[in-house]
Amino acid sequence: MTPGWIGAGKVRARESGGVVEITIDGLTTQAKYYKPLVYEFMRKEWSSRPSWGDFTVEIVMEHVGEPPHIDLDNLAKALLDAIKGYLFHDDAQVARLLVERREGERERIALRCFARR
């Protein structure tokens, strides 16, 4: 495991230079699967307090071969709901949201969250 990462299961996270990165291994076509998975990780593993102000959230779904049939807007909503109360107080604080699907080396979801400058 890369230094600085917490978590040993499907979900891992780290904070560096004001940027929080979360990775989720594996993909499913059910966006609702991710909310409890990430929420439980944040509840049990994350120690930082949420902040006020505007945030940027970038979500990248990487797939191998044909992309799974998953609505990216539903994926974004599930992940924002899961990190709300841990990284920021309310998802209305998200001033910029980028959600992307692309081919990658393995199936995973990568999320980056940071305060707008």
PDB file of N, CA and C in Angstrom:
ATOM      1  N   MET A   1       0.847  -1.180   0.000  1.00  0.00           N
ATOM      2  CA  MET A   1       0.000   0.000   0.000  1.00  0.00           C
ATOM      3  C   MET A   1       0.892   1.242   0.000  1.00  0.00           C
ATOM      4  N   THR A   2       0.496   2.233  -0.764  1.00  0.00           N
ATOM      5  CA  THR A   2       1.246   3.474  -0.869  1.00  0.00           C
ATOM      6  C   THR A   2       1.229   4.220   0.459  1.00  0.00           C
ATOM      7  N   PRO A   3       2.372   4.762   0.902  1.00  0.00           N
ATOM      8  CA  PRO A   3       2.397   5.506   2.157  1.00  0.00           C
ATOM      9  C   PRO A   3       1.380   6.644   2.154  1.00  0.00           C
ATOM     10  N   GLY A   4       0.789   6.871   3.321  1.00  0.00           N
ATOM     11  CA  GLY A   4      -0.167   7.946   3.458  1.00  0.00           C
ATOM     12  C   GLY A   4      -1.608   7.522   3.245  1.00  0.00           C
ATOM     13  N   TRP A   5      -1.832   6.375   2.651  1.00  0.00           N
ATOM     14  CA  TRP A   5      -3.185   5.891   2.418  1.00  0.00           C
ATOM     15  C   TRP A   5      -3.704   5.203   3.671  1.00  0.00           C
ATOM     16  N   ILE A   6      -4.991   5.412   3.962  1.00  0.00           N
ATOM     17  CA  ILE A   6      -5.644   4.667   5.039  1.00  0.00           C
ATOM     18  C   ILE A   6      -6.681   3.756   4.413  1.00  0.00           C
ATOM     19  N   GLY A   7      -6.961   2.665   5.108  1.00  0.00           N
ATOM     20  CA  GLY A   7      -7.921   1.693   4.603  1.00  0.00           C
ATOM     21  C   GLY A   7      -7.207   0.544   3.931  1.00  0.00           C
ATOM     22  N   ALA A   8      -7.760  -0.640   4.101  1.00  0.00           N
ATOM     23  CA  ALA A   8      -7.131  -1.828   3.517  1.00  0.00           C
ATOM     24  C   ALA A   8      -8.112  -2.628   2.667  1.00  0.00           C
ATOM     25  N   GLY A   9      -9.351  -2.175   2.576  1.00  0.00           N
ATOM     26  CA  GLY A   9     -10.363  -2.895   1.810  1.00  0.00           C
ATOM     27  C   GLY A   9     -10.556  -2.283   0.437  1.00  0.00           C
ATOM     28  N   LYS A  10     -11.789  -2.287  -0.024  1.00  0.00           N
ATOM     29  CA  LYS A  10     -12.119  -1.735  -1.339  1.00  0.00           C
ATOM     30  C   LYS A  10     -11.938  -0.227  -1.396  1.00  0.00           C
ATOM     31  N   VAL A  11     -12.059   0.441  -0.255  1.00  0.00           N
ATOM     32  CA  VAL A  11     -11.963   1.900  -0.210  1.00  0.00           C
ATOM     33  C   VAL A  11     -10.693   2.303   0.533  1.00  0.00           C
ATOM     34  N   ARG A  12      -9.958   3.236  -0.069  1.00  0.00           N
ATOM     35  CA  ARG A  12      -8.756   3.794   0.558  1.00  0.00           C
ATOM     36  C   ARG A  12      -8.794   5.305   0.369  1.00  0.00           C
ATOM     37  N   ALA A  13      -8.132   6.023   1.261  1.00  0.00           N
ATOM     38  CA  ALA A  13      -8.111   7.489   1.160  1.00  0.00           C
ATOM     39  C   ALA A  13      -6.808   8.039   1.703  1.00  0.00           C
ATOM     40  N   ARG A  14      -6.502   9.248   1.277  1.00  0.00           N
ATOM     41  CA  ARG A  14      -5.364   9.986   1.814  1.00  0.00           C
ATOM     42  C   ARG A  14      -5.626  11.471   1.634  1.00  0.00           C
ATOM     43  N   GLU A  15      -4.943  12.258   2.454  1.00  0.00           N
ATOM     44  CA  GLU A  15      -5.030  13.713   2.358  1.00  0.00           C
ATOM     45  C   GLU A  15      -3.622  14.248   2.229  1.00  0.00           C
ATOM     46  N   SER A  16      -3.412  15.088   1.229  1.00  0.00           N
ATOM     47  CA  SER A  16      -2.090  15.651   1.004  1.00  0.00           C
ATOM     48  C   SER A  16      -2.248  17.044   0.402  1.00  0.00           C
ATOM     49  N   GLY A  17      -1.658  18.030   1.045  1.00  0.00           N
ATOM     50  CA  GLY A  17      -1.696  19.388   0.515  1.00  0.00           C
ATOM     51  C   GLY A  17      -3.097  19.944   0.350  1.00  0.00           C
ATOM     52  N   GLY A  18      -4.014  19.563   1.220  1.00  0.00           N
ATOM     53  CA  GLY A  18      -5.378  20.059   1.141  1.00  0.00           C
ATOM     54  C   GLY A  18      -6.274  19.319   0.168  1.00  0.00           C
ATOM     55  N   VAL A  19      -5.735  18.293  -0.476  1.00  0.00           N
ATOM     56  CA  VAL A  19      -6.510  17.485  -1.429  1.00  0.00           C
ATOM     57  C   VAL A  19      -6.781  16.125  -0.798  1.00  0.00           C
ATOM     58  N   VAL A  20      -8.048  15.738  -0.773  1.00  0.00           N
ATOM     59  CA  VAL A  20      -8.426  14.413  -0.296  1.00  0.00           C
ATOM     60  C   VAL A  20      -8.662  13.537  -1.527  1.00  0.00           C
ATOM     61  N   GLU A  21      -8.001  12.394  -1.547  1.00  0.00           N
ATOM     62  CA  GLU A  21      -8.182  11.425  -2.625  1.00  0.00           C
ATOM     63  C   GLU A  21      -8.803  10.162  -2.036  1.00  0.00           C
ATOM     64  N   ILE A  22      -9.809   9.651  -2.714  1.00  0.00           N
ATOM     65  CA  ILE A  22     -10.460   8.409  -2.313  1.00  0.00           C
ATOM     66  C   ILE A  22     -10.476   7.505  -3.534  1.00  0.00           C
ATOM     67  N   THR A  23     -10.067   6.256  -3.357  1.00  0.00           N
ATOM     68  CA  THR A  23     -10.166   5.287  -4.443  1.00  0.00           C
ATOM     69  C   THR A  23     -11.050   4.130  -4.000  1.00  0.00           C
ATOM     70  N   ILE A  24     -11.825   3.641  -4.937  1.00  0.00           N
ATOM     71  CA  ILE A  24     -12.716   2.516  -4.706  1.00  0.00           C
ATOM     72  C   ILE A  24     -12.397   1.479  -5.769  1.00  0.00           C
ATOM     73  N   ASP A  25     -11.956   0.301  -5.343  1.00  0.00           N
ATOM     74  CA  ASP A  25     -11.613  -0.766  -6.286  1.00  0.00           C
ATOM     75  C   ASP A  25     -12.863  -1.475  -6.764  1.00  0.00           C
ATOM     76  N   GLY A  26     -12.881  -1.797  -8.055  1.00  0.00           N
ATOM     77  CA  GLY A  26     -13.980  -2.542  -8.640  1.00  0.00           C
ATOM     78  C   GLY A  26     -15.113  -1.642  -9.083  1.00  0.00           C
ATOM     79  N   LEU A  27     -15.940  -2.149  -9.982  1.00  0.00           N
ATOM     80  CA  LEU A  27     -17.084  -1.408 -10.496  1.00  0.00           C
ATOM     81  C   LEU A  27     -18.331  -2.269 -10.435  1.00  0.00           C
ATOM     82  N   THR A  28     -19.463  -1.623 -10.298  1.00  0.00           N
ATOM     83  CA  THR A  28     -20.763  -2.263 -10.395  1.00  0.00           C
ATOM     84  C   THR A  28     -21.677  -1.330 -11.167  1.00  0.00           C
ATOM     85  N   THR A  29     -22.747  -1.854 -11.716  1.00  0.00           N
ATOM     86  CA  THR A  29     -23.688  -1.019 -12.463  1.00  0.00           C
ATOM     87  C   THR A  29     -24.667  -0.310 -11.537  1.00  0.00           C
ATOM     88  N   GLN A  30     -24.645  -0.619 -10.263  1.00  0.00           N
ATOM     89  CA  GLN A  30     -25.566  -0.034  -9.300  1.00  0.00           C
ATOM     90  C   GLN A  30     -24.896   1.109  -8.533  1.00  0.00           C
ATOM     91  N   ALA A  31     -25.230   2.334  -8.893  1.00  0.00           N
ATOM     92  CA  ALA A  31     -24.622   3.499  -8.234  1.00  0.00           C
ATOM     93  C   ALA A  31     -24.921   3.514  -6.739  1.00  0.00           C
ATOM     94  N   LYS A  32     -26.099   3.015  -6.350  1.00  0.00           N
ATOM     95  CA  LYS A  32     -26.486   3.050  -4.934  1.00  0.00           C
ATOM     96  C   LYS A  32     -25.589   2.169  -4.061  1.00  0.00           C
ATOM     97  N   TYR A  33     -24.833   1.265  -4.655  1.00  0.00           N
ATOM     98  CA  TYR A  33     -23.881   0.415  -3.933  1.00  0.00           C
ATOM     99  C   TYR A  33     -22.787   1.246  -3.264  1.00  0.00           C
ATOM    100  N   TYR A  34     -22.395   2.351  -3.896  1.00  0.00           N
ATOM    101  CA  TYR A  34     -21.238   3.111  -3.443  1.00  0.00           C
ATOM    102  C   TYR A  34     -21.509   3.976  -2.221  1.00  0.00           C
ATOM    103  N   LYS A  35     -22.738   4.457  -2.049  1.00  0.00           N
ATOM    104  CA  LYS A  35     -23.028   5.342  -0.925  1.00  0.00           C
ATOM    105  C   LYS A  35     -22.751   4.678   0.423  1.00  0.00           C
ATOM    106  N   PRO A  36     -23.337   3.506   0.733  1.00  0.00           N
ATOM    107  CA  PRO A  36     -23.042   2.906   2.038  1.00  0.00           C
ATOM    108  C   PRO A  36     -21.591   2.432   2.162  1.00  0.00           C
ATOM    109  N   LEU A  37     -20.994   2.000   1.069  1.00  0.00           N
ATOM    110  CA  LEU A  37     -19.609   1.536   1.091  1.00  0.00           C
ATOM    111  C   LEU A  37     -18.668   2.664   1.514  1.00  0.00           C
ATOM    112  N   VAL A  38     -18.781   3.800   0.856  1.00  0.00           N
ATOM    113  CA  VAL A  38     -17.903   4.929   1.155  1.00  0.00           C
ATOM    114  C   VAL A  38     -18.294   5.580   2.484  1.00  0.00           C
ATOM    115  N   TYR A  39     -19.588   5.679   2.761  1.00  0.00           N
ATOM    116  CA  TYR A  39     -20.054   6.263   4.020  1.00  0.00           C
ATOM    117  C   TYR A  39     -19.481   5.500   5.211  1.00  0.00           C
ATOM    118  N   GLU A  40     -19.544   4.183   5.185  1.00  0.00           N
ATOM    119  CA  GLU A  40     -19.012   3.371   6.292  1.00  0.00           C
ATOM    120  C   GLU A  40     -17.508   3.543   6.429  1.00  0.00           C
ATOM    121  N   PHE A  41     -16.810   3.634   5.313  1.00  0.00           N
ATOM    122  CA  PHE A  41     -15.371   3.877   5.367  1.00  0.00           C
ATOM    123  C   PHE A  41     -15.098   5.219   6.042  1.00  0.00           C
ATOM    124  N   MET A  42     -15.812   6.256   5.625  1.00  0.00           N
ATOM    125  CA  MET A  42     -15.591   7.583   6.200  1.00  0.00           C
ATOM    126  C   MET A  42     -15.929   7.571   7.694  1.00  0.00           C
ATOM    127  N   ARG A  43     -17.002   6.929   8.058  1.00  0.00           N
ATOM    128  CA  ARG A  43     -17.431   6.883   9.456  1.00  0.00           C
ATOM    129  C   ARG A  43     -16.404   6.175  10.338  1.00  0.00           C
ATOM    130  N   LYS A  44     -15.835   5.094   9.840  1.00  0.00           N
ATOM    131  CA  LYS A  44     -14.918   4.284  10.649  1.00  0.00           C
ATOM    132  C   LYS A  44     -13.458   4.710  10.551  1.00  0.00           C
ATOM    133  N   GLU A  45     -13.043   5.201   9.399  1.00  0.00           N
ATOM    134  CA  GLU A  45     -11.611   5.423   9.149  1.00  0.00           C
ATOM    135  C   GLU A  45     -11.186   6.894   9.110  1.00  0.00           C
ATOM    136  N   TRP A  46     -12.079   7.805   8.742  1.00  0.00           N
ATOM    137  CA  TRP A  46     -11.692   9.192   8.500  1.00  0.00           C
ATOM    138  C   TRP A  46     -11.703   9.983   9.794  1.00  0.00           C
ATOM    139  N   SER A  47     -10.687  10.789  10.019  1.00  0.00           N
ATOM    140  CA  SER A  47     -10.589  11.516  11.283  1.00  0.00           C
ATOM    141  C   SER A  47     -10.709  13.033  11.138  1.00  0.00           C
ATOM    142  N   SER A  48     -10.561  13.574   9.939  1.00  0.00           N
ATOM    143  CA  SER A  48     -10.645  15.027   9.754  1.00  0.00           C
ATOM    144  C   SER A  48     -12.079  15.511   9.878  1.00  0.00           C
ATOM    145  N   ARG A  49     -12.232  16.762  10.247  1.00  0.00           N
ATOM    146  CA  ARG A  49     -13.542  17.384  10.392  1.00  0.00           C
ATOM    147  C   ARG A  49     -13.941  18.051   9.076  1.00  0.00           C
ATOM    148  N   PRO A  50     -15.237  18.176   8.808  1.00  0.00           N
ATOM    149  CA  PRO A  50     -15.672  18.856   7.581  1.00  0.00           C
ATOM    150  C   PRO A  50     -15.361  20.349   7.627  1.00  0.00           C
ATOM    151  N   SER A  51     -15.274  20.951   6.458  1.00  0.00           N
ATOM    152  CA  SER A  51     -14.940  22.374   6.354  1.00  0.00           C
ATOM    153  C   SER A  51     -16.073  23.139   5.683  1.00  0.00           C
ATOM    154  N   TRP A  52     -16.050  24.458   5.843  1.00  0.00           N
ATOM    155  CA  TRP A  52     -16.981  25.353   5.162  1.00  0.00           C
ATOM    156  C   TRP A  52     -16.288  25.925   3.936  1.00  0.00           C
ATOM    157  N   GLY A  53     -17.035  26.543   3.067  1.00  0.00           N
ATOM    158  CA  GLY A  53     -16.490  27.141   1.852  1.00  0.00           C
ATOM    159  C   GLY A  53     -16.837  26.311   0.633  1.00  0.00           C
ATOM    160  N   ASP A  54     -16.394  26.787  -0.514  1.00  0.00           N
ATOM    161  CA  ASP A  54     -16.669  26.103  -1.774  1.00  0.00           C
ATOM    162  C   ASP A  54     -15.628  25.023  -2.056  1.00  0.00           C
ATOM    163  N   PHE A  55     -16.083  23.953  -2.690  1.00  0.00           N
ATOM    164  CA  PHE A  55     -15.223  22.817  -3.002  1.00  0.00           C
ATOM    165  C   PHE A  55     -15.307  22.441  -4.471  1.00  0.00           C
ATOM    166  N   THR A  56     -14.231  21.830  -4.935  1.00  0.00           N
ATOM    167  CA  THR A  56     -14.204  21.151  -6.225  1.00  0.00           C
ATOM    168  C   THR A  56     -14.158  19.664  -5.945  1.00  0.00           C
ATOM    169  N   VAL A  57     -14.982  18.904  -6.653  1.00  0.00           N
ATOM    170  CA  VAL A  57     -14.967  17.448  -6.546  1.00  0.00           C
ATOM    171  C   VAL A  57     -14.785  16.895  -7.953  1.00  0.00           C
ATOM    172  N   GLU A  58     -13.794  16.030  -8.113  1.00  0.00           N
ATOM    173  CA  GLU A  58     -13.521  15.372  -9.387  1.00  0.00           C
ATOM    174  C   GLU A  58     -13.682  13.876  -9.186  1.00  0.00           C
ATOM    175  N   ILE A  59     -14.506  13.253 -10.023  1.00  0.00           N
ATOM    176  CA  ILE A  59     -14.768  11.820  -9.935  1.00  0.00           C
ATOM    177  C   ILE A  59     -14.430  11.208 -11.287  1.00  0.00           C
ATOM    178  N   VAL A  60     -13.569  10.193 -11.275  1.00  0.00           N
ATOM    179  CA  VAL A  60     -13.208   9.496 -12.502  1.00  0.00           C
ATOM    180  C   VAL A  60     -13.501   8.012 -12.317  1.00  0.00           C
ATOM    181  N   MET A  61     -14.345   7.474 -13.187  1.00  0.00           N
ATOM    182  CA  MET A  61     -14.627   6.044 -13.196  1.00  0.00           C
ATOM    183  C   MET A  61     -13.758   5.429 -14.293  1.00  0.00           C
ATOM    184  N   GLU A  62     -12.836   4.564 -13.910  1.00  0.00           N
ATOM    185  CA  GLU A  62     -11.968   3.893 -14.873  1.00  0.00           C
ATOM    186  C   GLU A  62     -12.479   2.477 -15.099  1.00  0.00           C
ATOM    187  N   HIS A  63     -12.571   2.085 -16.357  1.00  0.00           N
ATOM    188  CA  HIS A  63     -13.061   0.749 -16.692  1.00  0.00           C
ATOM    189  C   HIS A  63     -12.088   0.068 -17.640  1.00  0.00           C
ATOM    190  N   VAL A  64     -12.176  -1.246 -17.706  1.00  0.00           N
ATOM    191  CA  VAL A  64     -11.393  -2.057 -18.629  1.00  0.00           C
ATOM    192  C   VAL A  64     -12.386  -2.638 -19.635  1.00  0.00           C
ATOM    193  N   GLY A  65     -12.118  -2.479 -20.923  1.00  0.00           N
ATOM    194  CA  GLY A  65     -13.047  -2.976 -21.936  1.00  0.00           C
ATOM    195  C   GLY A  65     -14.261  -2.077 -22.048  1.00  0.00           C
ATOM    196  N   GLU A  66     -15.402  -2.689 -22.322  1.00  0.00           N
ATOM    197  CA  GLU A  66     -16.641  -1.933 -22.464  1.00  0.00           C
ATOM    198  C   GLU A  66     -17.020  -1.263 -21.140  1.00  0.00           C
ATOM    199  N   PRO A  67     -17.444  -0.002 -21.201  1.00  0.00           N
ATOM    200  CA  PRO A  67     -17.845   0.664 -19.956  1.00  0.00           C
ATOM    201  C   PRO A  67     -19.137   0.061 -19.406  1.00  0.00           C
ATOM    202  N   PRO A  68     -19.247  -0.033 -18.093  1.00  0.00           N
ATOM    203  CA  PRO A  68     -20.488  -0.543 -17.504  1.00  0.00           C
ATOM    204  C   PRO A  68     -21.616   0.462 -17.702  1.00  0.00           C
ATOM    205  N   HIS A  69     -22.829  -0.035 -17.727  1.00  0.00           N
ATOM    206  CA  HIS A  69     -23.999   0.836 -17.885  1.00  0.00           C
ATOM    207  C   HIS A  69     -24.362   1.417 -16.533  1.00  0.00           C
ATOM    208  N   ILE A  70     -23.781   2.568 -16.247  1.00  0.00           N
ATOM    209  CA  ILE A  70     -24.048   3.258 -14.990  1.00  0.00           C
ATOM    210  C   ILE A  70     -24.195   4.746 -15.307  1.00  0.00           C
ATOM    211  N   ASP A  71     -25.218   5.355 -14.765  1.00  0.00           N
ATOM    212  CA  ASP A  71     -25.426   6.784 -14.965  1.00  0.00           C
ATOM    213  C   ASP A  71     -24.449   7.545 -14.089  1.00  0.00           C
ATOM    214  N   LEU A  72     -23.612   8.348 -14.722  1.00  0.00           N
ATOM    215  CA  LEU A  72     -22.593   9.083 -13.969  1.00  0.00           C
ATOM    216  C   LEU A  72     -23.210  10.084 -12.998  1.00  0.00           C
ATOM    217  N   ASP A  73     -24.381  10.641 -13.324  1.00  0.00           N
ATOM    218  CA  ASP A  73     -25.005  11.575 -12.389  1.00  0.00           C
ATOM    219  C   ASP A  73     -25.446  10.872 -11.112  1.00  0.00           C
ATOM    220  N   ASN A  74     -25.912   9.621 -11.233  1.00  0.00           N
ATOM    221  CA  ASN A  74     -26.294   8.850 -10.045  1.00  0.00           C
ATOM    222  C   ASN A  74     -25.065   8.458  -9.222  1.00  0.00           C
ATOM    223  N   LEU A  75     -23.981   8.126  -9.912  1.00  0.00           N
ATOM    224  CA  LEU A  75     -22.731   7.812  -9.216  1.00  0.00           C
ATOM    225  C   LEU A  75     -22.254   9.022  -8.430  1.00  0.00           C
ATOM    226  N   ALA A  76     -22.270  10.200  -9.064  1.00  0.00           N
ATOM    227  CA  ALA A  76     -21.825  11.416  -8.389  1.00  0.00           C
ATOM    228  C   ALA A  76     -22.683  11.699  -7.164  1.00  0.00           C
ATOM    229  N   LYS A  77     -23.993  11.571  -7.283  1.00  0.00           N
ATOM    230  CA  LYS A  77     -24.894  11.846  -6.156  1.00  0.00           C
ATOM    231  C   LYS A  77     -24.616  10.890  -5.001  1.00  0.00           C
ATOM    232  N   ALA A  78     -24.427   9.603  -5.293  1.00  0.00           N
ATOM    233  CA  ALA A  78     -24.144   8.620  -4.242  1.00  0.00           C
ATOM    234  C   ALA A  78     -22.844   8.954  -3.514  1.00  0.00           C
ATOM    235  N   LEU A  79     -21.810   9.319  -4.259  1.00  0.00           N
ATOM    236  CA  LEU A  79     -20.521   9.621  -3.644  1.00  0.00           C
ATOM    237  C   LEU A  79     -20.563  10.936  -2.857  1.00  0.00           C
ATOM    238  N   LEU A  80     -21.239  11.941  -3.389  1.00  0.00           N
ATOM    239  CA  LEU A  80     -21.360  13.206  -2.657  1.00  0.00           C
ATOM    240  C   LEU A  80     -22.129  13.006  -1.356  1.00  0.00           C
ATOM    241  N   ASP A  81     -23.183  12.202  -1.401  1.00  0.00           N
ATOM    242  CA  ASP A  81     -23.935  11.918  -0.174  1.00  0.00           C
ATOM    243  C   ASP A  81     -23.069  11.185   0.848  1.00  0.00           C
ATOM    244  N   ALA A  82     -22.177  10.323   0.371  1.00  0.00           N
ATOM    245  CA  ALA A  82     -21.332   9.535   1.277  1.00  0.00           C
ATOM    246  C   ALA A  82     -20.268  10.379   1.969  1.00  0.00           C
ATOM    247  N   ILE A  83     -19.738  11.391   1.290  1.00  0.00           N
ATOM    248  CA  ILE A  83     -18.659  12.191   1.885  1.00  0.00           C
ATOM    249  C   ILE A  83     -19.176  13.443   2.591  1.00  0.00           C
ATOM    250  N   LYS A  84     -20.453  13.747   2.386  1.00  0.00           N
ATOM    251  CA  LYS A  84     -21.064  14.902   3.059  1.00  0.00           C
ATOM    252  C   LYS A  84     -21.012  14.674   4.574  1.00  0.00           C
ATOM    253  N   GLY A  85     -20.598  15.692   5.290  1.00  0.00           N
ATOM    254  CA  GLY A  85     -20.462  15.579   6.734  1.00  0.00           C
ATOM    255  C   GLY A  85     -19.081  15.118   7.163  1.00  0.00           C
ATOM    256  N   TYR A  86     -18.254  14.741   6.200  1.00  0.00           N
ATOM    257  CA  TYR A  86     -16.878  14.314   6.498  1.00  0.00           C
ATOM    258  C   TYR A  86     -15.850  15.239   5.841  1.00  0.00           C
ATOM    259  N   LEU A  87     -16.090  15.616   4.588  1.00  0.00           N
ATOM    260  CA  LEU A  87     -15.168  16.527   3.902  1.00  0.00           C
ATOM    261  C   LEU A  87     -15.734  17.941   3.849  1.00  0.00           C
ATOM    262  N   PHE A  88     -17.039  18.068   3.714  1.00  0.00           N
ATOM    263  CA  PHE A  88     -17.739  19.344   3.741  1.00  0.00           C
ATOM    264  C   PHE A  88     -19.065  19.120   4.452  1.00  0.00           C
ATOM    265  N   HIS A  89     -19.712  20.204   4.851  1.00  0.00           N
ATOM    266  CA  HIS A  89     -20.944  20.081   5.638  1.00  0.00           C
ATOM    267  C   HIS A  89     -22.162  19.747   4.790  1.00  0.00           C
ATOM    268  N   ASP A  90     -22.225  20.274   3.580  1.00  0.00           N
ATOM    269  CA  ASP A  90     -23.397  20.091   2.727  1.00  0.00           C
ATOM    270  C   ASP A  90     -22.949  20.056   1.269  1.00  0.00           C
ATOM    271  N   ASP A  91     -23.585  19.210   0.457  1.00  0.00           N
ATOM    272  CA  ASP A  91     -23.140  19.115  -0.938  1.00  0.00           C
ATOM    273  C   ASP A  91     -23.455  20.378  -1.744  1.00  0.00           C
ATOM    274  N   ALA A  92     -24.211  21.316  -1.163  1.00  0.00           N
ATOM    275  CA  ALA A  92     -24.402  22.623  -1.805  1.00  0.00           C
ATOM    276  C   ALA A  92     -23.088  23.410  -1.835  1.00  0.00           C
ATOM    277  N   GLN A  93     -22.094  22.987  -1.061  1.00  0.00           N
ATOM    278  CA  GLN A  93     -20.778  23.629  -1.060  1.00  0.00           C
ATOM    279  C   GLN A  93     -19.953  23.245  -2.278  1.00  0.00           C
ATOM    280  N   VAL A  94     -20.402  22.265  -3.048  1.00  0.00           N
ATOM    281  CA  VAL A  94     -19.666  21.841  -4.242  1.00  0.00           C
ATOM    282  C   VAL A  94     -19.943  22.857  -5.345  1.00  0.00           C
ATOM    283  N   ALA A  95     -18.933  23.682  -5.637  1.00  0.00           N
ATOM    284  CA  ALA A  95     -19.062  24.737  -6.636  1.00  0.00           C
ATOM    285  C   ALA A  95     -18.635  24.256  -8.016  1.00  0.00           C
ATOM    286  N   ARG A  96     -17.827  23.208  -8.055  1.00  0.00           N
ATOM    287  CA  ARG A  96     -17.375  22.632  -9.331  1.00  0.00           C
ATOM    288  C   ARG A  96     -17.373  21.129  -9.184  1.00  0.00           C
ATOM    289  N   LEU A  97     -18.019  20.457 -10.124  1.00  0.00           N
ATOM    290  CA  LEU A  97     -18.116  19.000 -10.106  1.00  0.00           C
ATOM    291  C   LEU A  97     -17.756  18.476 -11.481  1.00  0.00           C
ATOM    292  N   LEU A  98     -16.748  17.610 -11.531  1.00  0.00           N
ATOM    293  CA  LEU A  98     -16.331  16.963 -12.774  1.00  0.00           C
ATOM    294  C   LEU A  98     -16.532  15.471 -12.602  1.00  0.00           C
ATOM    295  N   VAL A  99     -17.282  14.855 -13.493  1.00  0.00           N
ATOM    296  CA  VAL A  99     -17.506  13.415 -13.446  1.00  0.00           C
ATOM    297  C   VAL A  99     -17.160  12.875 -14.825  1.00  0.00           C
ATOM    298  N   GLU A 100     -16.277  11.889 -14.855  1.00  0.00           N
ATOM    299  CA  GLU A 100     -15.743  11.399 -16.122  1.00  0.00           C
ATOM    300  C   GLU A 100     -15.662   9.877 -16.113  1.00  0.00           C
ATOM    301  N   ARG A 101     -15.905   9.293 -17.274  1.00  0.00           N
ATOM    302  CA  ARG A 101     -15.713   7.848 -17.464  1.00  0.00           C
ATOM    303  C   ARG A 101     -14.623   7.698 -18.519  1.00  0.00           C
ATOM    304  N   ARG A 102     -13.643   6.820 -18.232  1.00  0.00           N
ATOM    305  CA  ARG A 102     -12.578   6.596 -19.216  1.00  0.00           C
ATOM    306  C   ARG A 102     -11.986   5.202 -19.035  1.00  0.00           C
ATOM    307  N   GLU A 103     -11.352   4.741 -20.074  1.00  0.00           N
ATOM    308  CA  GLU A 103     -10.689   3.447 -20.007  1.00  0.00           C
ATOM    309  C   GLU A 103      -9.426   3.589 -19.170  1.00  0.00           C
ATOM    310  N   GLY A 104      -9.160   2.583 -18.343  1.00  0.00           N
ATOM    311  CA  GLY A 104      -8.000   2.625 -17.467  1.00  0.00           C
ATOM    312  C   GLY A 104      -7.320   1.272 -17.394  1.00  0.00           C
ATOM    313  N   GLU A 105      -6.348   1.175 -16.523  1.00  0.00           N
ATOM    314  CA  GLU A 105      -5.601  -0.067 -16.349  1.00  0.00           C
ATOM    315  C   GLU A 105      -6.351  -1.076 -15.507  1.00  0.00           C
ATOM    316  N   ARG A 106      -7.249  -0.589 -14.627  1.00  0.00           N
ATOM    317  CA  ARG A 106      -8.064  -1.475 -13.807  1.00  0.00           C
ATOM    318  C   ARG A 106      -9.384  -0.788 -13.490  1.00  0.00           C
ATOM    319  N   GLU A 107     -10.345  -1.546 -13.019  1.00  0.00           N
ATOM    320  CA  GLU A 107     -11.654  -0.993 -12.726  1.00  0.00           C
ATOM    321  C   GLU A 107     -11.647  -0.371 -11.338  1.00  0.00           C
ATOM    322  N   ARG A 108     -11.911   0.930 -11.308  1.00  0.00           N
ATOM    323  CA  ARG A 108     -11.927   1.646 -10.042  1.00  0.00           C
ATOM    324  C   ARG A 108     -12.578   3.008 -10.224  1.00  0.00           C
ATOM    325  N   ILE A 109     -12.856   3.631  -9.096  1.00  0.00           N
ATOM    326  CA  ILE A 109     -13.355   4.996  -9.069  1.00  0.00           C
ATOM    327  C   ILE A 109     -12.364   5.811  -8.247  1.00  0.00           C
ATOM    328  N   ALA A 110     -11.962   6.935  -8.785  1.00  0.00           N
ATOM    329  CA  ALA A 110     -11.051   7.837  -8.084  1.00  0.00           C
ATOM    330  C   ALA A 110     -11.785   9.157  -7.852  1.00  0.00           C
ATOM    331  N   LEU A 111     -11.759   9.629  -6.627  1.00  0.00           N
ATOM    332  CA  LEU A 111     -12.413  10.877  -6.256  1.00  0.00           C
ATOM    333  C   LEU A 111     -11.370  11.800  -5.644  1.00  0.00           C
ATOM    334  N   ARG A 112     -11.375  13.062  -6.054  1.00  0.00           N
ATOM    335  CA  ARG A 112     -10.518  14.097  -5.464  1.00  0.00           C
ATOM    336  C   ARG A 112     -11.421  15.226  -5.001  1.00  0.00           C
ATOM    337  N   CYS A 113     -11.167  15.728  -3.817  1.00  0.00           N
ATOM    338  CA  CYS A 113     -11.967  16.815  -3.248  1.00  0.00           C
ATOM    339  C   CYS A 113     -11.022  17.838  -2.627  1.00  0.00           C
ATOM    340  N   PHE A 114     -11.226  19.112  -2.972  1.00  0.00           N
ATOM    341  CA  PHE A 114     -10.380  20.155  -2.412  1.00  0.00           C
ATOM    342  C   PHE A 114     -11.117  21.487  -2.402  1.00  0.00           C
ATOM    343  N   ALA A 115     -10.697  22.369  -1.494  1.00  0.00           N
ATOM    344  CA  ALA A 115     -11.309  23.683  -1.363  1.00  0.00           C
ATOM    345  C   ALA A 115     -10.979  24.511  -2.601  1.00  0.00           C
ATOM    346  N   ARG A 116     -11.969  25.280  -3.047  1.00  0.00           N
ATOM    347  CA  ARG A 116     -11.751  26.186  -4.200  1.00  0.00           C
ATOM    348  C   ARG A 116     -10.851  27.333  -3.756  1.00  0.00           C
ATOM    349  N   ARG A 117      -9.960  27.681  -4.594  1.00  0.00           N
ATOM    350  CA  ARG A 117      -9.024  28.769  -4.270  1.00  0.00           C
ATOM    351  C   ARG A 117      -9.440  30.029  -4.982  1.00  0.00           C
TER     352      ARG A 117
END
